Amino acid sequence: MPVPMIVFTDLDGCLLNHGDYSYQPALPVLDRLQKLQIPLVLCSSKTEAEMRPLAEELEASPTIICENGGVVCWDAAGDRTVLGADRERILDVLSDCKQRYQFSSFRDLDIEGIVRATGLSIERAKLAAQRYCTEPLLWEDDDARIESFREELQKHQLQLTRGGRFWHVAGQTDKGRGAATAYQRMTEKCDQSVTSVALGDSPIDQPMLEWANIAIVVPAPEGTIRLDFEHPHKIIAAFPGSKGWAEAMTRVLDNMLSNEK
């Protein structure tokens, strides 16, 4: 690793624009990371099936963190470390909860429902449904009951977190744990300190940003900041989506390179 840095990034609303999933404004910075040989680790609520083609398209690291830190997929050959709860156990708990709460999980929505809720194509929706250790859901009950639902899940050692569009039910893990697990393995043979940079836009990204040496918060599409936490090296991107991602990462890289002179 010629440049001692690893970049961990969320996808939707961050590296990928909300709505059209474009990353065109970030292309110059992505090219710069490749030339500097800085690994780019994708970290998302998305599944391995969704993320692997994108990682290859971006020429990002073969290590990807999927399902909000529930599983770290080290390569395309199937080497995985599962950190979360098995999806079947999650679905069993949710089946019981449906007797008392109103919500629709991916299993309830089926492929056509996932298409309607996400705007994904049928093929992409099928990839999103291939899950190992999380279950996204749309909350259809009174907002005041969400804490009761959260407490019910906690009795089963499951947690509920809020993403950009969905609530996510998972085991006792998060993006921070996923990033830390990937970082440890990726740097175990390094003989120097490696700076971790994390970028995210929603509350579900906060554990990863708090863990990283440098935390970059990307605004929501309407320009609001949805994350509020203390960090000694926190950067607020100037724009939403991939334009803000590129602007903030440019600042980090320029500062890093100037300090090396």
C-alpha atoms as a PDB file:
ATOM      1  CA  MET A   1       0.000   0.000   0.000  1.00  0.00           C
ATOM      2  CA  PRO A   2       2.127   2.915  -1.265  1.00  0.00           C
ATOM      3  CA  VAL A   3      -0.163   5.561   0.254  1.00  0.00           C
ATOM      4  CA  PRO A   4      -1.097   4.651   3.845  1.00  0.00           C
ATOM      5  CA  MET A   5      -4.836   5.270   3.592  1.00  0.00           C
ATOM      6  CA  ILE A   6      -8.035   3.246   3.146  1.00  0.00           C
ATOM      7  CA  VAL A   7     -11.317   4.881   2.140  1.00  0.00           C
ATOM      8  CA  PHE A   8     -14.602   3.342   3.313  1.00  0.00           C
ATOM      9  CA  THR A   9     -17.692   4.704   1.600  1.00  0.00           C
ATOM     10  CA  ASP A  10     -21.436   4.386   1.750  1.00  0.00           C
ATOM     11  CA  LEU A  11     -23.172   4.196  -1.632  1.00  0.00           C
ATOM     12  CA  ASP A  12     -26.751   5.493  -1.947  1.00  0.00           C
ATOM     13  CA  GLY A  13     -26.958   9.249  -1.464  1.00  0.00           C
ATOM     14  CA  CYS A  14     -23.197   9.386  -1.005  1.00  0.00           C
ATOM     15  CA  LEU A  15     -20.927   8.029  -3.742  1.00  0.00           C
ATOM     16  CA  LEU A  16     -24.075   7.259  -5.760  1.00  0.00           C
ATOM     17  CA  ASN A  17     -26.525  10.095  -6.336  1.00  0.00           C
ATOM     18  CA  HIS A  18     -29.998   9.741  -4.918  1.00  0.00           C
ATOM     19  CA  GLY A  19     -32.459   8.756  -7.623  1.00  0.00           C
ATOM     20  CA  ASP A  20     -30.298   7.993 -10.645  1.00  0.00           C
ATOM     21  CA  TYR A  21     -27.446   6.198  -8.801  1.00  0.00           C
ATOM     22  CA  SER A  22     -24.894   8.102 -10.903  1.00  0.00           C
ATOM     23  CA  TYR A  23     -21.308   8.583  -9.719  1.00  0.00           C
ATOM     24  CA  GLN A  24     -20.069  10.609 -12.699  1.00  0.00           C
ATOM     25  CA  PRO A  25     -18.981  13.684 -10.650  1.00  0.00           C
ATOM     26  CA  ALA A  26     -16.721  11.424  -8.579  1.00  0.00           C
ATOM     27  CA  LEU A  27     -14.866   9.888 -11.515  1.00  0.00           C
ATOM     28  CA  PRO A  28     -11.793  12.181 -11.334  1.00  0.00           C
ATOM     29  CA  VAL A  29     -11.342  11.396  -7.636  1.00  0.00           C
ATOM     30  CA  LEU A  30     -11.896   7.669  -8.179  1.00  0.00           C
ATOM     31  CA  ASP A  31      -9.176   7.785 -10.828  1.00  0.00           C
ATOM     32  CA  ARG A  32      -6.931   9.670  -8.425  1.00  0.00           C
ATOM     33  CA  LEU A  33      -7.412   7.023  -5.717  1.00  0.00           C
ATOM     34  CA  GLN A  34      -6.430   4.310  -8.186  1.00  0.00           C
ATOM     35  CA  LYS A  35      -3.284   6.160  -9.222  1.00  0.00           C
ATOM     36  CA  LEU A  36      -2.332   6.635  -5.568  1.00  0.00           C
ATOM     37  CA  GLN A  37      -3.142   2.959  -4.934  1.00  0.00           C
ATOM     38  CA  ILE A  38      -5.505   3.863  -2.104  1.00  0.00           C
ATOM     39  CA  PRO A  39      -8.058   1.064  -1.561  1.00  0.00           C
ATOM     40  CA  LEU A  40     -11.707   2.069  -1.864  1.00  0.00           C
ATOM     41  CA  VAL A  41     -13.904  -0.208   0.248  1.00  0.00           C
ATOM     42  CA  LEU A  42     -17.626  -0.086  -0.511  1.00  0.00           C
ATOM     43  CA  CYS A  43     -19.832  -0.293   2.573  1.00  0.00           C
ATOM     44  CA  SER A  44     -23.586  -0.385   2.175  1.00  0.00           C
ATOM     45  CA  SER A  45     -26.928  -1.818   3.186  1.00  0.00           C
ATOM     46  CA  LYS A  46     -26.842  -3.434  -0.255  1.00  0.00           C
ATOM     47  CA  THR A  47     -26.206  -7.145  -0.735  1.00  0.00           C
ATOM     48  CA  GLU A  48     -23.070  -8.791  -2.049  1.00  0.00           C
ATOM     49  CA  ALA A  49     -24.953  -9.623  -5.258  1.00  0.00           C
ATOM     50  CA  GLU A  50     -25.671  -5.916  -5.786  1.00  0.00           C
ATOM     51  CA  MET A  51     -22.273  -4.614  -4.756  1.00  0.00           C
ATOM     52  CA  ARG A  52     -19.844  -7.009  -6.439  1.00  0.00           C
ATOM     53  CA  PRO A  53     -20.515  -5.785 -10.019  1.00  0.00           C
ATOM     54  CA  LEU A  54     -20.250  -2.158  -8.872  1.00  0.00           C
ATOM     55  CA  ALA A  55     -16.961  -2.817  -7.042  1.00  0.00           C
ATOM     56  CA  GLU A  56     -15.559  -4.342 -10.215  1.00  0.00           C
ATOM     57  CA  GLU A  57     -16.912  -1.494 -12.353  1.00  0.00           C
ATOM     58  CA  LEU A  58     -15.272   1.075 -10.062  1.00  0.00           C
ATOM     59  CA  GLU A  59     -12.075  -1.000  -9.803  1.00  0.00           C
ATOM     60  CA  ALA A  60     -12.539  -0.730  -6.051  1.00  0.00           C
ATOM     61  CA  SER A  61     -11.133  -3.083  -3.433  1.00  0.00           C
ATOM     62  CA  PRO A  62     -12.294  -6.713  -3.739  1.00  0.00           C
ATOM     63  CA  THR A  63     -13.187  -6.430  -0.055  1.00  0.00           C
ATOM     64  CA  ILE A  64     -16.748  -5.137   0.318  1.00  0.00           C
ATOM     65  CA  ILE A  65     -18.828  -4.617   3.458  1.00  0.00           C
ATOM     66  CA  CYS A  66     -22.411  -5.641   2.834  1.00  0.00           C
ATOM     67  CA  GLU A  67     -25.759  -5.440   4.599  1.00  0.00           C
ATOM     68  CA  ASN A  68     -24.726  -2.654   6.985  1.00  0.00           C
ATOM     69  CA  GLY A  69     -21.710  -4.483   8.352  1.00  0.00           C
ATOM     70  CA  GLY A  70     -23.469  -7.821   8.686  1.00  0.00           C
ATOM     71  CA  VAL A  71     -21.000  -9.560   6.382  1.00  0.00           C
ATOM     72  CA  VAL A  72     -17.536  -8.725   5.041  1.00  0.00           C
ATOM     73  CA  CYS A  73     -16.975 -10.306   1.623  1.00  0.00           C
ATOM     74  CA  TRP A  74     -13.245 -10.516   1.033  1.00  0.00           C
ATOM     75  CA  ASP A  75     -13.279 -11.505  -2.634  1.00  0.00           C
ATOM     76  CA  ALA A  76     -15.478 -12.754  -5.452  1.00  0.00           C
ATOM     77  CA  ALA A  77     -14.564 -16.358  -4.660  1.00  0.00           C
ATOM     78  CA  GLY A  78     -16.866 -16.572  -1.653  1.00  0.00           C
ATOM     79  CA  ASP A  79     -14.526 -15.848   1.254  1.00  0.00           C
ATOM     80  CA  ARG A  80     -16.848 -14.169   3.783  1.00  0.00           C
ATOM     81  CA  THR A  81     -16.925 -13.240   7.450  1.00  0.00           C
ATOM     82  CA  VAL A  82     -20.478 -13.035   8.797  1.00  0.00           C
ATOM     83  CA  LEU A  83     -20.766 -10.616  11.716  1.00  0.00           C
ATOM     84  CA  GLY A  84     -24.537 -10.386  12.008  1.00  0.00           C
ATOM     85  CA  ALA A  85     -27.483 -12.704  12.638  1.00  0.00           C
ATOM     86  CA  ASP A  86     -28.678 -15.255  10.107  1.00  0.00           C
ATOM     87  CA  ARG A  87     -31.528 -13.858   8.001  1.00  0.00           C
ATOM     88  CA  GLU A  88     -33.777 -16.858   8.639  1.00  0.00           C
ATOM     89  CA  ARG A  89     -33.661 -16.187  12.376  1.00  0.00           C
ATOM     90  CA  ILE A  90     -34.476 -12.519  11.732  1.00  0.00           C
ATOM     91  CA  LEU A  91     -37.474 -13.510   9.593  1.00  0.00           C
ATOM     92  CA  ASP A  92     -38.749 -15.854  12.304  1.00  0.00           C
ATOM     93  CA  VAL A  93     -38.703 -13.000  14.829  1.00  0.00           C
ATOM     94  CA  LEU A  94     -40.395 -10.600  12.398  1.00  0.00           C
ATOM     95  CA  SER A  95     -43.141 -13.145  11.691  1.00  0.00           C
ATOM     96  CA  ASP A  96     -43.994 -13.103  15.376  1.00  0.00           C
ATOM     97  CA  CYS A  97     -43.807  -9.286  15.529  1.00  0.00           C
ATOM     98  CA  LYS A  98     -46.287  -8.913  12.652  1.00  0.00           C
ATOM     99  CA  GLN A  99     -49.034  -9.993  15.022  1.00  0.00           C
ATOM    100  CA  ARG A 100     -48.546  -6.744  16.949  1.00  0.00           C
ATOM    101  CA  TYR A 101     -46.959  -4.230  14.534  1.00  0.00           C
ATOM    102  CA  GLN A 102     -47.635  -3.068  11.002  1.00  0.00           C
ATOM    103  CA  PHE A 103     -44.697  -3.151   8.594  1.00  0.00           C
ATOM    104  CA  SER A 104     -43.631  -4.681   5.296  1.00  0.00           C
ATOM    105  CA  SER A 105     -40.231  -6.300   5.032  1.00  0.00           C
ATOM    106  CA  PHE A 106     -38.515  -7.347   1.815  1.00  0.00           C
ATOM    107  CA  ARG A 107     -40.021 -10.822   2.217  1.00  0.00           C
ATOM    108  CA  ASP A 108     -43.515  -9.293   2.435  1.00  0.00           C
ATOM    109  CA  LEU A 109     -42.957  -6.944  -0.505  1.00  0.00           C
ATOM    110  CA  ASP A 110     -41.648  -9.620  -2.892  1.00  0.00           C
ATOM    111  CA  ILE A 111     -39.787  -8.545  -6.044  1.00  0.00           C
ATOM    112  CA  GLU A 112     -42.571  -6.361  -7.476  1.00  0.00           C
ATOM    113  CA  GLY A 113     -43.018  -4.581  -4.151  1.00  0.00           C
ATOM    114  CA  ILE A 114     -39.284  -3.979  -3.838  1.00  0.00           C
ATOM    115  CA  VAL A 115     -39.334  -2.432  -7.333  1.00  0.00           C
ATOM    116  CA  ARG A 116     -42.158  -0.081  -6.340  1.00  0.00           C
ATOM    117  CA  ALA A 117     -40.535   0.891  -3.029  1.00  0.00           C
ATOM    118  CA  THR A 118     -37.023   1.455  -4.360  1.00  0.00           C
ATOM    119  CA  GLY A 119     -37.365   2.357  -8.036  1.00  0.00           C
ATOM    120  CA  LEU A 120     -34.947  -0.432  -8.893  1.00  0.00           C
ATOM    121  CA  SER A 121     -35.316  -2.520 -12.010  1.00  0.00           C
ATOM    122  CA  ILE A 122     -36.638  -6.063 -11.629  1.00  0.00           C
ATOM    123  CA  GLU A 123     -33.130  -7.466 -12.096  1.00  0.00           C
ATOM    124  CA  ARG A 124     -31.662  -5.123  -9.486  1.00  0.00           C
ATOM    125  CA  ALA A 125     -34.511  -5.886  -7.098  1.00  0.00           C
ATOM    126  CA  LYS A 126     -33.716  -9.590  -7.379  1.00  0.00           C
ATOM    127  CA  LEU A 127     -30.117  -8.849  -6.390  1.00  0.00           C
ATOM    128  CA  ALA A 128     -31.323  -6.743  -3.440  1.00  0.00           C
ATOM    129  CA  ALA A 129     -33.402  -9.660  -2.205  1.00  0.00           C
ATOM    130  CA  GLN A 130     -30.369 -11.995  -1.960  1.00  0.00           C
ATOM    131  CA  ARG A 131     -29.610 -11.297   1.693  1.00  0.00           C
ATOM    132  CA  TYR A 132     -27.472 -13.114   4.285  1.00  0.00           C
ATOM    133  CA  CYS A 133     -28.022 -11.308   7.555  1.00  0.00           C
ATOM    134  CA  THR A 134     -30.356  -8.290   7.400  1.00  0.00           C
ATOM    135  CA  GLU A 135     -33.960  -7.521   6.531  1.00  0.00           C
ATOM    136  CA  PRO A 136     -35.060  -4.048   5.403  1.00  0.00           C
ATOM    137  CA  LEU A 137     -38.619  -2.987   6.158  1.00  0.00           C
ATOM    138  CA  LEU A 138     -41.050  -0.150   5.564  1.00  0.00           C
ATOM    139  CA  TRP A 139     -42.663   1.009   8.825  1.00  0.00           C
ATOM    140  CA  GLU A 140     -46.451   1.285   8.391  1.00  0.00           C
ATOM    141  CA  ASP A 141     -47.445   1.667  12.043  1.00  0.00           C
ATOM    142  CA  ASP A 142     -47.679   4.743  14.251  1.00  0.00           C
ATOM    143  CA  ASP A 143     -44.247   6.381  14.569  1.00  0.00           C
ATOM    144  CA  ALA A 144     -44.753   6.445  18.338  1.00  0.00           C
ATOM    145  CA  ARG A 145     -44.616   2.616  18.396  1.00  0.00           C
ATOM    146  CA  ILE A 146     -41.185   2.307  16.793  1.00  0.00           C
ATOM    147  CA  GLU A 147     -39.381   2.280  20.155  1.00  0.00           C
ATOM    148  CA  SER A 148     -41.608  -0.513  21.432  1.00  0.00           C
ATOM    149  CA  PHE A 149     -40.797  -2.469  18.279  1.00  0.00           C
ATOM    150  CA  ARG A 150     -37.097  -1.793  18.800  1.00  0.00           C
ATOM    151  CA  GLU A 151     -37.293  -3.104  22.368  1.00  0.00           C
ATOM    152  CA  GLU A 152     -39.079  -6.237  21.163  1.00  0.00           C
ATOM    153  CA  LEU A 153     -36.266  -6.936  18.713  1.00  0.00           C
ATOM    154  CA  GLN A 154     -33.616  -6.337  21.376  1.00  0.00           C
ATOM    155  CA  LYS A 155     -35.098  -9.195  23.408  1.00  0.00           C
ATOM    156  CA  HIS A 156     -33.952 -11.426  20.563  1.00  0.00           C
ATOM    157  CA  GLN A 157     -30.486  -9.817  20.320  1.00  0.00           C
ATOM    158  CA  LEU A 158     -31.528  -7.985  17.160  1.00  0.00           C
ATOM    159  CA  GLN A 159     -31.218  -4.278  16.461  1.00  0.00           C
ATOM    160  CA  LEU A 160     -33.181  -1.742  14.438  1.00  0.00           C
ATOM    161  CA  THR A 161     -31.469   1.084  12.581  1.00  0.00           C
ATOM    162  CA  ARG A 162     -32.693   3.768  10.206  1.00  0.00           C
ATOM    163  CA  GLY A 163     -31.332   4.016   6.688  1.00  0.00           C
ATOM    164  CA  GLY A 164     -32.164   6.445   3.950  1.00  0.00           C
ATOM    165  CA  ARG A 165     -35.444   4.794   2.930  1.00  0.00           C
ATOM    166  CA  PHE A 166     -35.844   1.705   5.076  1.00  0.00           C
ATOM    167  CA  TRP A 167     -35.504   0.530   8.619  1.00  0.00           C
ATOM    168  CA  HIS A 168     -33.044  -2.368   8.881  1.00  0.00           C
ATOM    169  CA  VAL A 169     -33.244  -5.332  11.246  1.00  0.00           C
ATOM    170  CA  ALA A 170     -29.923  -7.027  11.925  1.00  0.00           C
ATOM    171  CA  GLY A 171     -27.832  -8.774  14.518  1.00  0.00           C
ATOM    172  CA  GLN A 172     -25.482  -6.982  16.907  1.00  0.00           C
ATOM    173  CA  THR A 173     -23.251  -5.400  14.295  1.00  0.00           C
ATOM    174  CA  ASP A 174     -23.026  -2.202  12.252  1.00  0.00           C
ATOM    175  CA  LYS A 175     -20.955  -0.525   9.561  1.00  0.00           C
ATOM    176  CA  GLY A 176     -18.366   0.489  12.139  1.00  0.00           C
ATOM    177  CA  ARG A 177     -17.709  -3.093  13.142  1.00  0.00           C
ATOM    178  CA  GLY A 178     -17.640  -4.133   9.490  1.00  0.00           C
ATOM    179  CA  ALA A 179     -15.118  -1.411   8.634  1.00  0.00           C
ATOM    180  CA  ALA A 180     -12.950  -2.231  11.650  1.00  0.00           C
ATOM    181  CA  THR A 181     -12.935  -5.930  10.688  1.00  0.00           C
ATOM    182  CA  ALA A 182     -11.949  -5.144   7.104  1.00  0.00           C
ATOM    183  CA  TYR A 183      -9.332  -2.600   8.200  1.00  0.00           C
ATOM    184  CA  GLN A 184      -7.665  -5.060  10.578  1.00  0.00           C
ATOM    185  CA  ARG A 185      -7.235  -7.751   7.945  1.00  0.00           C
ATOM    186  CA  MET A 186      -6.225  -5.308   5.199  1.00  0.00           C
ATOM    187  CA  THR A 187      -3.519  -3.668   7.325  1.00  0.00           C
ATOM    188  CA  GLU A 188      -2.191  -6.626   9.312  1.00  0.00           C
ATOM    189  CA  LYS A 189       0.995  -6.775   7.229  1.00  0.00           C
ATOM    190  CA  CYS A 190       1.559  -3.018   7.056  1.00  0.00           C
ATOM    191  CA  ASP A 191       4.603  -1.670   8.880  1.00  0.00           C
ATOM    192  CA  GLN A 192       3.189   1.872   9.151  1.00  0.00           C
ATOM    193  CA  SER A 193       0.064   3.590  10.389  1.00  0.00           C
ATOM    194  CA  VAL A 194      -2.793   3.565   7.876  1.00  0.00           C
ATOM    195  CA  THR A 195      -5.334   6.395   7.942  1.00  0.00           C
ATOM    196  CA  SER A 196      -8.983   5.386   7.678  1.00  0.00           C
ATOM    197  CA  VAL A 197     -11.416   7.732   5.919  1.00  0.00           C
ATOM    198  CA  ALA A 198     -15.154   7.087   6.009  1.00  0.00           C
ATOM    199  CA  LEU A 199     -17.936   8.811   4.056  1.00  0.00           C
ATOM    200  CA  GLY A 200     -21.665   8.591   4.762  1.00  0.00           C
ATOM    201  CA  ASP A 201     -24.896  10.539   4.707  1.00  0.00           C
ATOM    202  CA  SER A 202     -27.414   8.789   6.991  1.00  0.00           C
ATOM    203  CA  PRO A 203     -27.646   7.699  10.656  1.00  0.00           C
ATOM    204  CA  ILE A 204     -26.868   4.116   9.704  1.00  0.00           C
ATOM    205  CA  ASP A 205     -23.404   5.324   8.600  1.00  0.00           C
ATOM    206  CA  GLN A 206     -22.591   6.991  11.925  1.00  0.00           C
ATOM    207  CA  PRO A 207     -20.785   4.042  13.614  1.00  0.00           C
ATOM    208  CA  MET A 208     -18.418   3.831  10.636  1.00  0.00           C
ATOM    209  CA  LEU A 209     -17.778   7.573  10.621  1.00  0.00           C
ATOM    210  CA  GLU A 210     -17.189   7.679  14.381  1.00  0.00           C
ATOM    211  CA  TRP A 211     -14.695   4.809  14.080  1.00  0.00           C
ATOM    212  CA  ALA A 212     -12.663   6.309  11.233  1.00  0.00           C
ATOM    213  CA  ASN A 213      -9.704   8.663  11.608  1.00  0.00           C
ATOM    214  CA  ILE A 214     -11.394  11.103   9.208  1.00  0.00           C
ATOM    215  CA  ALA A 215     -15.195  11.311   9.006  1.00  0.00           C
ATOM    216  CA  ILE A 216     -16.874  12.893   5.995  1.00  0.00           C
ATOM    217  CA  VAL A 217     -20.580  13.699   6.224  1.00  0.00           C
ATOM    218  CA  VAL A 218     -22.358  14.103   2.884  1.00  0.00           C
ATOM    219  CA  PRO A 219     -25.561  16.215   2.967  1.00  0.00           C
ATOM    220  CA  ALA A 220     -28.950  14.761   2.061  1.00  0.00           C
ATOM    221  CA  PRO A 221     -30.352  15.601  -1.407  1.00  0.00           C
ATOM    222  CA  GLU A 222     -32.166  18.663  -0.052  1.00  0.00           C
ATOM    223  CA  GLY A 223     -28.937  19.870   1.576  1.00  0.00           C
ATOM    224  CA  THR A 224     -29.714  18.990   5.209  1.00  0.00           C
ATOM    225  CA  ILE A 225     -27.205  17.242   7.477  1.00  0.00           C
ATOM    226  CA  ARG A 226     -28.679  14.094   8.986  1.00  0.00           C
ATOM    227  CA  LEU A 227     -25.737  13.226  11.236  1.00  0.00           C
ATOM    228  CA  ASP A 228     -24.761  15.019  14.432  1.00  0.00           C
ATOM    229  CA  PHE A 229     -21.801  13.616  16.371  1.00  0.00           C
ATOM    230  CA  GLU A 230     -18.508  14.762  17.812  1.00  0.00           C
ATOM    231  CA  HIS A 231     -15.328  13.849  15.952  1.00  0.00           C
ATOM    232  CA  PRO A 232     -11.857  15.435  15.996  1.00  0.00           C
ATOM    233  CA  HIS A 233     -11.549  15.246  12.212  1.00  0.00           C
ATOM    234  CA  LYS A 234     -15.057  15.685  10.809  1.00  0.00           C
ATOM    235  CA  ILE A 235     -15.632  17.222   7.390  1.00  0.00           C
ATOM    236  CA  ILE A 236     -18.991  18.348   6.019  1.00  0.00           C
ATOM    237  CA  ALA A 237     -19.115  18.011   2.242  1.00  0.00           C
ATOM    238  CA  ALA A 238     -20.195  21.133   0.400  1.00  0.00           C
ATOM    239  CA  PHE A 239     -22.748  19.353  -1.809  1.00  0.00           C
ATOM    240  CA  PRO A 240     -25.043  16.314  -1.693  1.00  0.00           C
ATOM    241  CA  GLY A 241     -24.292  13.050  -3.463  1.00  0.00           C
ATOM    242  CA  SER A 242     -21.290  12.239  -5.597  1.00  0.00           C
ATOM    243  CA  LYS A 243     -20.443  15.911  -6.189  1.00  0.00           C
ATOM    244  CA  GLY A 244     -20.053  16.439  -2.435  1.00  0.00           C
ATOM    245  CA  TRP A 245     -18.243  13.098  -2.106  1.00  0.00           C
ATOM    246  CA  ALA A 246     -15.700  14.230  -4.691  1.00  0.00           C
ATOM    247  CA  GLU A 247     -15.306  17.718  -3.205  1.00  0.00           C
ATOM    248  CA  ALA A 248     -14.641  16.446   0.324  1.00  0.00           C
ATOM    249  CA  MET A 249     -12.309  13.639  -0.782  1.00  0.00           C
ATOM    250  CA  THR A 250     -10.347  16.139  -2.867  1.00  0.00           C
ATOM    251  CA  ARG A 251      -9.802  18.207   0.279  1.00  0.00           C
ATOM    252  CA  VAL A 252      -8.569  15.144   2.171  1.00  0.00           C
ATOM    253  CA  LEU A 253      -6.206  14.024  -0.588  1.00  0.00           C
ATOM    254  CA  ASP A 254      -4.818  17.520  -1.188  1.00  0.00           C
ATOM    255  CA  ASN A 255      -4.142  17.917   2.519  1.00  0.00           C
ATOM    256  CA  MET A 256      -2.526  14.490   2.768  1.00  0.00           C
ATOM    257  CA  LEU A 257      -0.226  15.110  -0.190  1.00  0.00           C
ATOM    258  CA  SER A 258       0.739  18.597   1.002  1.00  0.00           C
ATOM    259  CA  ASN A 259       1.707  17.169   4.405  1.00  0.00           C
ATOM    260  CA  GLU A 260       3.976  14.625   2.728  1.00  0.00           C
ATOM    261  CA  LYS A 261       6.037  17.304   0.981  1.00  0.00           C
END
